[in-house]
């Protein structure tokens, strides 16, 4: 799996950098969000707790995925600005379980 950063755009107001990326995974299945998050953090030289993957899409039959991520200045900033479901999806908080219907 190889990650290529297509664009980076700073957003000082929200204390983050917005990143568009491409993942080359020919011959493999669609990459896991956690694996991409780790590789992206390595490529940007930040801790993985500061990286939030917003969305990622795989092109059918191509072995290439494209996505959009936000790299925050701190984990506290990520928790303040991101929606709960994205925090849970990226492993910052525990997912809330809906009560079972009777």
PDB file of N, CA and C in Angstrom:
ATOM      1  N   UNK A   1       0.854  -1.174   0.000  1.00  0.00           N
ATOM      2  CA  UNK A   1       0.000   0.000   0.000  1.00  0.00           C
ATOM      3  C   UNK A   1       0.902   1.241   0.000  1.00  0.00           C
ATOM      4  N   UNK A   2       0.642   2.129  -0.946  1.00  0.00           N
ATOM      5  CA  UNK A   2       1.436   3.342  -1.085  1.00  0.00           C
ATOM      6  C   UNK A   2       0.503   4.552  -1.059  1.00  0.00           C
ATOM      7  N   UNK A   3       0.845   5.546  -0.234  1.00  0.00           N
ATOM      8  CA  UNK A   3       0.011   6.743  -0.120  1.00  0.00           C
ATOM      9  C   UNK A   3       0.693   7.915  -0.804  1.00  0.00           C
ATOM     10  N   UNK A   4      -0.101   8.644  -1.590  1.00  0.00           N
ATOM     11  CA  UNK A   4       0.387   9.841  -2.270  1.00  0.00           C
ATOM     12  C   UNK A   4      -0.503  11.011  -1.842  1.00  0.00           C
ATOM     13  N   UNK A   5       0.102  12.073  -1.358  1.00  0.00           N
ATOM     14  CA  UNK A   5      -0.658  13.260  -0.941  1.00  0.00           C
ATOM     15  C   UNK A   5      -0.818  14.148  -2.162  1.00  0.00           C
ATOM     16  N   UNK A   6      -2.086  14.381  -2.545  1.00  0.00           N
ATOM     17  CA  UNK A   6      -2.361  15.167  -3.738  1.00  0.00           C
ATOM     18  C   UNK A   6      -2.396  16.662  -3.456  1.00  0.00           C
ATOM     19  N   UNK A   7      -2.954  17.060  -2.298  1.00  0.00           N
ATOM     20  CA  UNK A   7      -2.982  18.478  -1.959  1.00  0.00           C
ATOM     21  C   UNK A   7      -3.085  18.656  -0.453  1.00  0.00           C
ATOM     22  N   UNK A   8      -2.525  19.765   0.017  1.00  0.00           N
ATOM     23  CA  UNK A   8      -2.623  20.138   1.426  1.00  0.00           C
ATOM     24  C   UNK A   8      -3.058  21.593   1.480  1.00  0.00           C
ATOM     25  N   UNK A   9      -4.018  21.878   2.361  1.00  0.00           N
ATOM     26  CA  UNK A   9      -4.501  23.246   2.488  1.00  0.00           C
ATOM     27  C   UNK A   9      -4.634  23.584   3.967  1.00  0.00           C
ATOM     28  N   UNK A  10      -3.921  24.593   4.461  1.00  0.00           N
ATOM     29  CA  UNK A  10      -4.022  24.945   5.876  1.00  0.00           C
ATOM     30  C   UNK A  10      -5.346  25.659   6.177  1.00  0.00           C
ATOM     31  N   UNK A  11      -5.887  25.398   7.358  1.00  0.00           N
ATOM     32  CA  UNK A  11      -7.095  26.058   7.830  1.00  0.00           C
ATOM     33  C   UNK A  11      -6.808  26.495   9.271  1.00  0.00           C
ATOM     34  N   UNK A  12      -6.246  27.685   9.429  1.00  0.00           N
ATOM     35  CA  UNK A  12      -5.807  28.167  10.741  1.00  0.00           C
ATOM     36  C   UNK A  12      -6.987  28.399  11.681  1.00  0.00           C
ATOM     37  N   UNK A  13      -8.123  28.772  11.153  1.00  0.00           N
ATOM     38  CA  UNK A  13      -9.285  29.037  11.985  1.00  0.00           C
ATOM     39  C   UNK A  13      -9.735  27.792  12.739  1.00  0.00           C
ATOM     40  N   UNK A  14      -9.656  26.632  12.098  1.00  0.00           N
ATOM     41  CA  UNK A  14     -10.069  25.380  12.713  1.00  0.00           C
ATOM     42  C   UNK A  14      -8.875  24.577  13.247  1.00  0.00           C
ATOM     43  N   UNK A  15      -7.673  25.151  13.226  1.00  0.00           N
ATOM     44  CA  UNK A  15      -6.453  24.519  13.724  1.00  0.00           C
ATOM     45  C   UNK A  15      -6.202  23.163  13.055  1.00  0.00           C
ATOM     46  N   UNK A  16      -6.251  23.162  11.714  1.00  0.00           N
ATOM     47  CA  UNK A  16      -6.052  21.910  10.994  1.00  0.00           C
ATOM     48  C   UNK A  16      -5.486  22.160   9.602  1.00  0.00           C
ATOM     49  N   UNK A  17      -5.023  21.076   8.998  1.00  0.00           N
ATOM     50  CA  UNK A  17      -4.607  21.058   7.600  1.00  0.00           C
ATOM     51  C   UNK A  17      -5.491  20.048   6.892  1.00  0.00           C
ATOM     52  N   UNK A  18      -6.070  20.440   5.771  1.00  0.00           N
ATOM     53  CA  UNK A  18      -6.968  19.568   5.015  1.00  0.00           C
ATOM     54  C   UNK A  18      -6.167  18.912   3.891  1.00  0.00           C
ATOM     55  N   UNK A  19      -6.249  17.585   3.815  1.00  0.00           N
ATOM     56  CA  UNK A  19      -5.393  16.811   2.929  1.00  0.00           C
ATOM     57  C   UNK A  19      -6.244  15.934   2.006  1.00  0.00           C
ATOM     58  N   UNK A  20      -5.951  16.002   0.701  1.00  0.00           N
ATOM     59  CA  UNK A  20      -6.528  15.061  -0.263  1.00  0.00           C
ATOM     60  C   UNK A  20      -5.444  14.052  -0.585  1.00  0.00           C
ATOM     61  N   UNK A  21      -5.809  12.764  -0.576  1.00  0.00           N
ATOM     62  CA  UNK A  21      -4.791  11.730  -0.772  1.00  0.00           C
ATOM     63  C   UNK A  21      -5.297  10.635  -1.700  1.00  0.00           C
ATOM     64  N   UNK A  22      -4.311   9.855  -2.209  1.00  0.00           N
ATOM     65  CA  UNK A  22      -4.604   8.705  -3.065  1.00  0.00           C
ATOM     66  C   UNK A  22      -3.829   7.519  -2.520  1.00  0.00           C
ATOM     67  N   UNK A  23      -4.488   6.365  -2.417  1.00  0.00           N
ATOM     68  CA  UNK A  23      -3.856   5.146  -1.928  1.00  0.00           C
ATOM     69  C   UNK A  23      -3.791   4.141  -3.074  1.00  0.00           C
ATOM     70  N   UNK A  24      -2.601   3.653  -3.369  1.00  0.00           N
ATOM     71  CA  UNK A  24      -2.417   2.637  -4.401  1.00  0.00           C
ATOM     72  C   UNK A  24      -2.328   1.281  -3.705  1.00  0.00           C
ATOM     73  N   UNK A  25      -3.312   0.415  -3.959  1.00  0.00           N
ATOM     74  CA  UNK A  25      -3.350  -0.910  -3.322  1.00  0.00           C
ATOM     75  C   UNK A  25      -3.662  -1.999  -4.342  1.00  0.00           C
ATOM     76  N   UNK A  26      -2.967  -1.930  -5.462  1.00  0.00           N
ATOM     77  CA  UNK A  26      -3.180  -2.924  -6.531  1.00  0.00           C
ATOM     78  C   UNK A  26      -2.849  -4.324  -6.023  1.00  0.00           C
ATOM     79  N   UNK A  27      -3.701  -5.281  -6.336  1.00  0.00           N
ATOM     80  CA  UNK A  27      -3.490  -6.661  -5.932  1.00  0.00           C
ATOM     81  C   UNK A  27      -3.938  -6.961  -4.517  1.00  0.00           C
ATOM     82  N   UNK A  28      -4.456  -5.973  -3.814  1.00  0.00           N
ATOM     83  CA  UNK A  28      -4.940  -6.144  -2.452  1.00  0.00           C
ATOM     84  C   UNK A  28      -6.400  -5.706  -2.405  1.00  0.00           C
ATOM     85  N   UNK A  29      -7.044  -5.957  -1.287  1.00  0.00           N
ATOM     86  CA  UNK A  29      -8.404  -5.482  -1.093  1.00  0.00           C
ATOM     87  C   UNK A  29      -8.412  -4.009  -0.720  1.00  0.00           C
ATOM     88  N   UNK A  30      -9.593  -3.480  -0.497  1.00  0.00           N
ATOM     89  CA  UNK A  30      -9.706  -2.090  -0.060  1.00  0.00           C
ATOM     90  C   UNK A  30      -9.004  -1.927   1.281  1.00  0.00           C
ATOM     91  N   UNK A  31      -8.237  -0.864   1.447  1.00  0.00           N
ATOM     92  CA  UNK A  31      -7.477  -0.703   2.685  1.00  0.00           C
ATOM     93  C   UNK A  31      -8.369  -0.353   3.870  1.00  0.00           C
ATOM     94  N   UNK A  32      -7.972  -0.769   5.048  1.00  0.00           N
ATOM     95  CA  UNK A  32      -8.692  -0.450   6.277  1.00  0.00           C
ATOM     96  C   UNK A  32      -8.413   1.007   6.645  1.00  0.00           C
ATOM     97  N   UNK A  33      -9.400   1.644   7.231  1.00  0.00           N
ATOM     98  CA  UNK A  33      -9.285   3.041   7.640  1.00  0.00           C
ATOM     99  C   UNK A  33      -8.114   3.237   8.616  1.00  0.00           C
ATOM    100  N   UNK A  34      -7.945   2.322   9.552  1.00  0.00           N
ATOM    101  CA  UNK A  34      -6.869   2.437  10.549  1.00  0.00           C
ATOM    102  C   UNK A  34      -5.487   2.351   9.889  1.00  0.00           C
ATOM    103  N   UNK A  35      -5.337   1.476   8.896  1.00  0.00           N
ATOM    104  CA  UNK A  35      -4.059   1.348   8.204  1.00  0.00           C
ATOM    105  C   UNK A  35      -3.724   2.616   7.419  1.00  0.00           C
ATOM    106  N   UNK A  36      -4.716   3.165   6.746  1.00  0.00           N
ATOM    107  CA  UNK A  36      -4.503   4.392   5.977  1.00  0.00           C
ATOM    108  C   UNK A  36      -4.176   5.547   6.921  1.00  0.00           C
ATOM    109  N   UNK A  37      -4.865   5.602   8.053  1.00  0.00           N
ATOM    110  CA  UNK A  37      -4.630   6.655   9.041  1.00  0.00           C
ATOM    111  C   UNK A  37      -3.184   6.596   9.550  1.00  0.00           C
ATOM    112  N   UNK A  38      -2.682   5.399   9.833  1.00  0.00           N
ATOM    113  CA  UNK A  38      -1.310   5.229  10.308  1.00  0.00           C
ATOM    114  C   UNK A  38      -0.302   5.651   9.246  1.00  0.00           C
ATOM    115  N   UNK A  39      -0.497   5.216   8.012  1.00  0.00           N
ATOM    116  CA  UNK A  39       0.419   5.566   6.919  1.00  0.00           C
ATOM    117  C   UNK A  39       0.407   7.066   6.632  1.00  0.00           C
ATOM    118  N   UNK A  40      -0.788   7.669   6.698  1.00  0.00           N
ATOM    119  CA  UNK A  40      -0.910   9.102   6.465  1.00  0.00           C
ATOM    120  C   UNK A  40      -0.202   9.891   7.565  1.00  0.00           C
ATOM    121  N   UNK A  41      -0.325   9.432   8.799  1.00  0.00           N
ATOM    122  CA  UNK A  41       0.352  10.086   9.924  1.00  0.00           C
ATOM    123  C   UNK A  41       1.871   9.999   9.758  1.00  0.00           C
ATOM    124  N   UNK A  42       2.371   8.857   9.296  1.00  0.00           N
ATOM    125  CA  UNK A  42       3.805   8.706   9.046  1.00  0.00           C
ATOM    126  C   UNK A  42       4.272   9.650   7.943  1.00  0.00           C
ATOM    127  N   UNK A  43       3.485   9.751   6.866  1.00  0.00           N
ATOM    128  CA  UNK A  43       3.861  10.599   5.739  1.00  0.00           C
ATOM    129  C   UNK A  43       3.879  12.077   6.116  1.00  0.00           C
ATOM    130  N   UNK A  44       2.999  12.472   7.038  1.00  0.00           N
ATOM    131  CA  UNK A  44       2.916  13.875   7.448  1.00  0.00           C
ATOM    132  C   UNK A  44       3.702  14.172   8.724  1.00  0.00           C
ATOM    133  N   UNK A  45       4.333  13.156   9.317  1.00  0.00           N
ATOM    134  CA  UNK A  45       5.143  13.279  10.534  1.00  0.00           C
ATOM    135  C   UNK A  45       4.348  13.855  11.706  1.00  0.00           C
ATOM    136  N   UNK A  46       3.154  13.287  11.950  1.00  0.00           N
ATOM    137  CA  UNK A  46       2.323  13.658  13.104  1.00  0.00           C
ATOM    138  C   UNK A  46       1.852  12.377  13.779  1.00  0.00           C
ATOM    139  N   UNK A  47       1.278  12.509  14.978  1.00  0.00           N
ATOM    140  CA  UNK A  47       0.733  11.317  15.640  1.00  0.00           C
ATOM    141  C   UNK A  47      -0.598  10.953  14.997  1.00  0.00           C
ATOM    142  N   UNK A  48      -0.947   9.687  15.023  1.00  0.00           N
ATOM    143  CA  UNK A  48      -2.168   9.237  14.354  1.00  0.00           C
ATOM    144  C   UNK A  48      -3.431   9.740  15.050  1.00  0.00           C
ATOM    145  N   UNK A  49      -3.341  10.179  16.309  1.00  0.00           N
ATOM    146  CA  UNK A  49      -4.500  10.725  17.015  1.00  0.00           C
ATOM    147  C   UNK A  49      -4.949  12.068  16.476  1.00  0.00           C
ATOM    148  N   UNK A  50      -4.079  12.739  15.728  1.00  0.00           N
ATOM    149  CA  UNK A  50      -4.409  14.043  15.157  1.00  0.00           C
ATOM    150  C   UNK A  50      -5.028  13.935  13.769  1.00  0.00           C
ATOM    151  N   UNK A  51      -5.025  12.731  13.182  1.00  0.00           N
ATOM    152  CA  UNK A  51      -5.516  12.522  11.820  1.00  0.00           C
ATOM    153  C   UNK A  51      -6.945  11.995  11.865  1.00  0.00           C
ATOM    154  N   UNK A  52      -7.842  12.664  11.154  1.00  0.00           N
ATOM    155  CA  UNK A  52      -9.240  12.240  11.022  1.00  0.00           C
ATOM    156  C   UNK A  52      -9.505  12.001   9.541  1.00  0.00           C
ATOM    157  N   UNK A  53      -9.829  10.770   9.179  1.00  0.00           N
ATOM    158  CA  UNK A  53     -10.184  10.478   7.790  1.00  0.00           C
ATOM    159  C   UNK A  53     -11.673  10.761   7.637  1.00  0.00           C
ATOM    160  N   UNK A  54     -11.990  11.734   6.812  1.00  0.00           N
ATOM    161  CA  UNK A  54     -13.372  12.145   6.610  1.00  0.00           C
ATOM    162  C   UNK A  54     -14.099  11.147   5.708  1.00  0.00           C
ATOM    163  N   UNK A  55     -13.539  10.889   4.540  1.00  0.00           N
ATOM    164  CA  UNK A  55     -14.114   9.869   3.653  1.00  0.00           C
ATOM    165  C   UNK A  55     -13.027   9.286   2.761  1.00  0.00           C
ATOM    166  N   UNK A  56     -13.328   8.087   2.268  1.00  0.00           N
ATOM    167  CA  UNK A  56     -12.392   7.370   1.419  1.00  0.00           C
ATOM    168  C   UNK A  56     -13.214   6.496   0.468  1.00  0.00           C
ATOM    169  N   UNK A  57     -12.916   6.576  -0.818  1.00  0.00           N
ATOM    170  CA  UNK A  57     -13.673   5.834  -1.822  1.00  0.00           C
ATOM    171  C   UNK A  57     -12.720   5.020  -2.692  1.00  0.00           C
ATOM    172  N   UNK A  58     -13.111   3.774  -2.980  1.00  0.00           N
ATOM    173  CA  UNK A  58     -12.310   2.894  -3.819  1.00  0.00           C
ATOM    174  C   UNK A  58     -12.923   2.840  -5.207  1.00  0.00           C
ATOM    175  N   UNK A  59     -12.086   3.007  -6.224  1.00  0.00           N
ATOM    176  CA  UNK A  59     -12.563   2.909  -7.596  1.00  0.00           C
ATOM    177  C   UNK A  59     -12.677   1.437  -7.971  1.00  0.00           C
ATOM    178  N   UNK A  60     -13.800   1.043  -8.511  1.00  0.00           N
ATOM    179  CA  UNK A  60     -14.080  -0.349  -8.821  1.00  0.00           C
ATOM    180  C   UNK A  60     -13.059  -0.915  -9.792  1.00  0.00           C
ATOM    181  N   UNK A  61     -12.396  -1.999  -9.377  1.00  0.00           N
ATOM    182  CA  UNK A  61     -11.479  -2.726 -10.239  1.00  0.00           C
ATOM    183  C   UNK A  61     -10.146  -2.052 -10.516  1.00  0.00           C
ATOM    184  N   UNK A  62      -9.883  -0.916  -9.906  1.00  0.00           N
ATOM    185  CA  UNK A  62      -8.673  -0.166 -10.224  1.00  0.00           C
ATOM    186  C   UNK A  62      -7.542  -0.367  -9.215  1.00  0.00           C
ATOM    187  N   UNK A  63      -7.850  -0.741  -7.975  1.00  0.00           N
ATOM    188  CA  UNK A  63      -6.809  -0.862  -6.957  1.00  0.00           C
ATOM    189  C   UNK A  63      -6.323   0.483  -6.466  1.00  0.00           C
ATOM    190  N   UNK A  64      -7.172   1.498  -6.591  1.00  0.00           N
ATOM    191  CA  UNK A  64      -6.829   2.851  -6.168  1.00  0.00           C
ATOM    192  C   UNK A  64      -7.989   3.419  -5.357  1.00  0.00           C
ATOM    193  N   UNK A  65      -7.663   4.029  -4.225  1.00  0.00           N
ATOM    194  CA  UNK A  65      -8.674   4.710  -3.407  1.00  0.00           C
ATOM    195  C   UNK A  65      -8.273   6.161  -3.264  1.00  0.00           C
ATOM    196  N   UNK A  66      -9.259   7.040  -3.237  1.00  0.00           N
ATOM    197  CA  UNK A  66      -9.012   8.458  -3.000  1.00  0.00           C
ATOM    198  C   UNK A  66      -9.753   8.862  -1.743  1.00  0.00           C
ATOM    199  N   UNK A  67      -9.248   9.879  -1.073  1.00  0.00           N
ATOM    200  CA  UNK A  67      -9.889  10.280   0.162  1.00  0.00           C
ATOM    201  C   UNK A  67      -9.551  11.680   0.586  1.00  0.00           C
ATOM    202  N   UNK A  68     -10.180  12.078   1.706  1.00  0.00           N
ATOM    203  CA  UNK A  68     -10.019  13.399   2.278  1.00  0.00           C
ATOM    204  C   UNK A  68      -9.827  13.237   3.780  1.00  0.00           C
ATOM    205  N   UNK A  69      -8.787  13.856   4.308  1.00  0.00           N
ATOM    206  CA  UNK A  69      -8.491  13.759   5.735  1.00  0.00           C
ATOM    207  C   UNK A  69      -8.211  15.145   6.292  1.00  0.00           C
ATOM    208  N   UNK A  70      -8.356  15.249   7.625  1.00  0.00           N
ATOM    209  CA  UNK A  70      -8.063  16.499   8.322  1.00  0.00           C
ATOM    210  C   UNK A  70      -7.008  16.189   9.381  1.00  0.00           C
ATOM    211  N   UNK A  71      -5.936  16.967   9.396  1.00  0.00           N
ATOM    212  CA  UNK A  71      -4.858  16.783  10.354  1.00  0.00           C
ATOM    213  C   UNK A  71      -4.895  17.968  11.311  1.00  0.00           C
ATOM    214  N   UNK A  72      -5.264  17.705  12.556  1.00  0.00           N
ATOM    215  CA  UNK A  72      -5.425  18.760  13.548  1.00  0.00           C
ATOM    216  C   UNK A  72      -4.117  19.043  14.264  1.00  0.00           C
ATOM    217  N   UNK A  73      -4.031  20.230  14.869  1.00  0.00           N
ATOM    218  CA  UNK A  73      -2.865  20.619  15.644  1.00  0.00           C
ATOM    219  C   UNK A  73      -2.758  19.844  16.938  1.00  0.00           C
ATOM    220  N   UNK A  74      -3.892  19.414  17.492  1.00  0.00           N
ATOM    221  CA  UNK A  74      -3.909  18.623  18.724  1.00  0.00           C
ATOM    222  C   UNK A  74      -5.154  17.736  18.740  1.00  0.00           C
ATOM    223  N   UNK A  75      -5.125  16.709  19.583  1.00  0.00           N
ATOM    224  CA  UNK A  75      -6.293  15.824  19.696  1.00  0.00           C
ATOM    225  C   UNK A  75      -7.485  16.568  20.293  1.00  0.00           C
ATOM    226  N   UNK A  76      -7.219  17.545  21.163  1.00  0.00           N
ATOM    227  CA  UNK A  76      -8.307  18.327  21.759  1.00  0.00           C
ATOM    228  C   UNK A  76      -9.042  19.127  20.688  1.00  0.00           C
ATOM    229  N   UNK A  77      -8.310  19.670  19.720  1.00  0.00           N
ATOM    230  CA  UNK A  77      -8.936  20.394  18.612  1.00  0.00           C
ATOM    231  C   UNK A  77      -9.795  19.454  17.778  1.00  0.00           C
ATOM    232  N   UNK A  78      -9.306  18.250  17.553  1.00  0.00           N
ATOM    233  CA  UNK A  78     -10.065  17.268  16.778  1.00  0.00           C
ATOM    234  C   UNK A  78     -11.372  16.935  17.490  1.00  0.00           C
ATOM    235  N   UNK A  79     -11.314  16.749  18.806  1.00  0.00           N
ATOM    236  CA  UNK A  79     -12.522  16.421  19.564  1.00  0.00           C
ATOM    237  C   UNK A  79     -13.487  17.600  19.620  1.00  0.00           C
ATOM    238  N   UNK A  80     -12.959  18.816  19.588  1.00  0.00           N
ATOM    239  CA  UNK A  80     -13.827  19.993  19.659  1.00  0.00           C
ATOM    240  C   UNK A  80     -14.568  20.245  18.348  1.00  0.00           C
ATOM    241  N   UNK A  81     -13.899  20.028  17.199  1.00  0.00           N
ATOM    242  CA  UNK A  81     -14.481  20.405  15.916  1.00  0.00           C
ATOM    243  C   UNK A  81     -15.176  19.265  15.173  1.00  0.00           C
ATOM    244  N   UNK A  82     -14.793  18.023  15.414  1.00  0.00           N
ATOM    245  CA  UNK A  82     -15.351  16.906  14.641  1.00  0.00           C
ATOM    246  C   UNK A  82     -16.665  16.394  15.228  1.00  0.00           C
ATOM    247  N   UNK A  83     -17.503  15.870  14.351  1.00  0.00           N
ATOM    248  CA  UNK A  83     -18.774  15.270  14.769  1.00  0.00           C
ATOM    249  C   UNK A  83     -18.495  13.959  15.502  1.00  0.00           C
ATOM    250  N   UNK A  84     -19.436  13.567  16.352  1.00  0.00           N
ATOM    251  CA  UNK A  84     -19.250  12.379  17.190  1.00  0.00           C
ATOM    252  C   UNK A  84     -19.032  11.109  16.371  1.00  0.00           C
ATOM    253  N   UNK A  85     -19.786  10.930  15.290  1.00  0.00           N
ATOM    254  CA  UNK A  85     -19.651   9.692  14.527  1.00  0.00           C
ATOM    255  C   UNK A  85     -18.285   9.604  13.849  1.00  0.00           C
ATOM    256  N   UNK A  86     -17.706  10.748  13.434  1.00  0.00           N
ATOM    257  CA  UNK A  86     -16.374  10.716  12.840  1.00  0.00           C
ATOM    258  C   UNK A  86     -15.304  10.456  13.892  1.00  0.00           C
ATOM    259  N   UNK A  87     -15.510  10.974  15.107  1.00  0.00           N
ATOM    260  CA  UNK A  87     -14.575  10.682  16.194  1.00  0.00           C
ATOM    261  C   UNK A  87     -14.583   9.192  16.508  1.00  0.00           C
ATOM    262  N   UNK A  88     -15.762   8.591  16.560  1.00  0.00           N
ATOM    263  CA  UNK A  88     -15.876   7.161  16.848  1.00  0.00           C
ATOM    264  C   UNK A  88     -15.286   6.332  15.710  1.00  0.00           C
ATOM    265  N   UNK A  89     -15.533   6.724  14.483  1.00  0.00           N
ATOM    266  CA  UNK A  89     -15.042   5.997  13.322  1.00  0.00           C
ATOM    267  C   UNK A  89     -13.515   6.016  13.258  1.00  0.00           C
ATOM    268  N   UNK A  90     -12.909   7.095  13.770  1.00  0.00           N
ATOM    269  CA  UNK A  90     -11.463   7.240  13.741  1.00  0.00           C
ATOM    270  C   UNK A  90     -10.784   6.849  15.050  1.00  0.00           C
ATOM    271  N   UNK A  91     -11.556   6.339  16.011  1.00  0.00           N
ATOM    272  CA  UNK A  91     -10.991   5.793  17.228  1.00  0.00           C
ATOM    273  C   UNK A  91     -10.644   6.800  18.316  1.00  0.00           C
ATOM    274  N   UNK A  92     -11.171   8.029  18.246  1.00  0.00           N
ATOM    275  CA  UNK A  92     -10.904   9.008  19.292  1.00  0.00           C
ATOM    276  C   UNK A  92     -11.789   8.809  20.519  1.00  0.00           C
ATOM    277  N   UNK A  93     -13.027   8.384  20.309  1.00  0.00           N
ATOM    278  CA  UNK A  93     -13.959   8.133  21.408  1.00  0.00           C
ATOM    279  C   UNK A  93     -14.633   6.785  21.180  1.00  0.00           C
ATOM    280  N   UNK A  94     -15.235   6.274  22.233  1.00  0.00           N
ATOM    281  CA  UNK A  94     -15.991   5.022  22.136  1.00  0.00           C
ATOM    282  C   UNK A  94     -17.329   5.304  21.446  1.00  0.00           C
ATOM    283  N   UNK A  95     -17.733   4.437  20.545  1.00  0.00           N
ATOM    284  CA  UNK A  95     -18.995   4.610  19.825  1.00  0.00           C
ATOM    285  C   UNK A  95     -20.167   4.487  20.783  1.00  0.00           C
ATOM    286  N   UNK A  96     -21.144   5.390  20.607  1.00  0.00           N
ATOM    287  CA  UNK A  96     -22.335   5.340  21.449  1.00  0.00           C
ATOM    288  C   UNK A  96     -23.263   4.252  20.918  1.00  0.00           C
ATOM    289  N   UNK A  97     -23.754   3.438  21.815  1.00  0.00           N
ATOM    290  CA  UNK A  97     -24.668   2.366  21.420  1.00  0.00           C
ATOM    291  C   UNK A  97     -26.092   2.835  21.659  1.00  0.00           C
ATOM    292  N   UNK A  98     -26.932   2.648  20.674  1.00  0.00           N
ATOM    293  CA  UNK A  98     -28.346   3.010  20.811  1.00  0.00           C
ATOM    294  C   UNK A  98     -29.041   1.985  21.697  1.00  0.00           C
ATOM    295  N   UNK A  99     -29.950   2.433  22.523  1.00  0.00           N
ATOM    296  CA  UNK A  99     -30.679   1.476  23.379  1.00  0.00           C
ATOM    297  C   UNK A  99     -31.529   0.540  22.512  1.00  0.00           C
ATOM    298  N   UNK A 100     -31.619  -0.708  22.948  1.00  0.00           N
ATOM    299  CA  UNK A 100     -32.395  -1.696  22.195  1.00  0.00           C
ATOM    300  C   UNK A 100     -33.875  -1.446  22.385  1.00  0.00           C
ATOM    301  N   UNK A 101     -34.608  -1.627  21.301  1.00  0.00           N
ATOM    302  CA  UNK A 101     -36.059  -1.495  21.373  1.00  0.00           C
ATOM    303  C   UNK A 101     -36.651  -2.782  21.914  1.00  0.00           C
ATOM    304  N   UNK A 102     -37.693  -2.643  22.685  1.00  0.00           N
ATOM    305  CA  UNK A 102     -38.336  -3.825  23.270  1.00  0.00           C
ATOM    306  C   UNK A 102     -39.484  -4.305  22.445  1.00  0.00           C
TER     307      UNK A 102
END
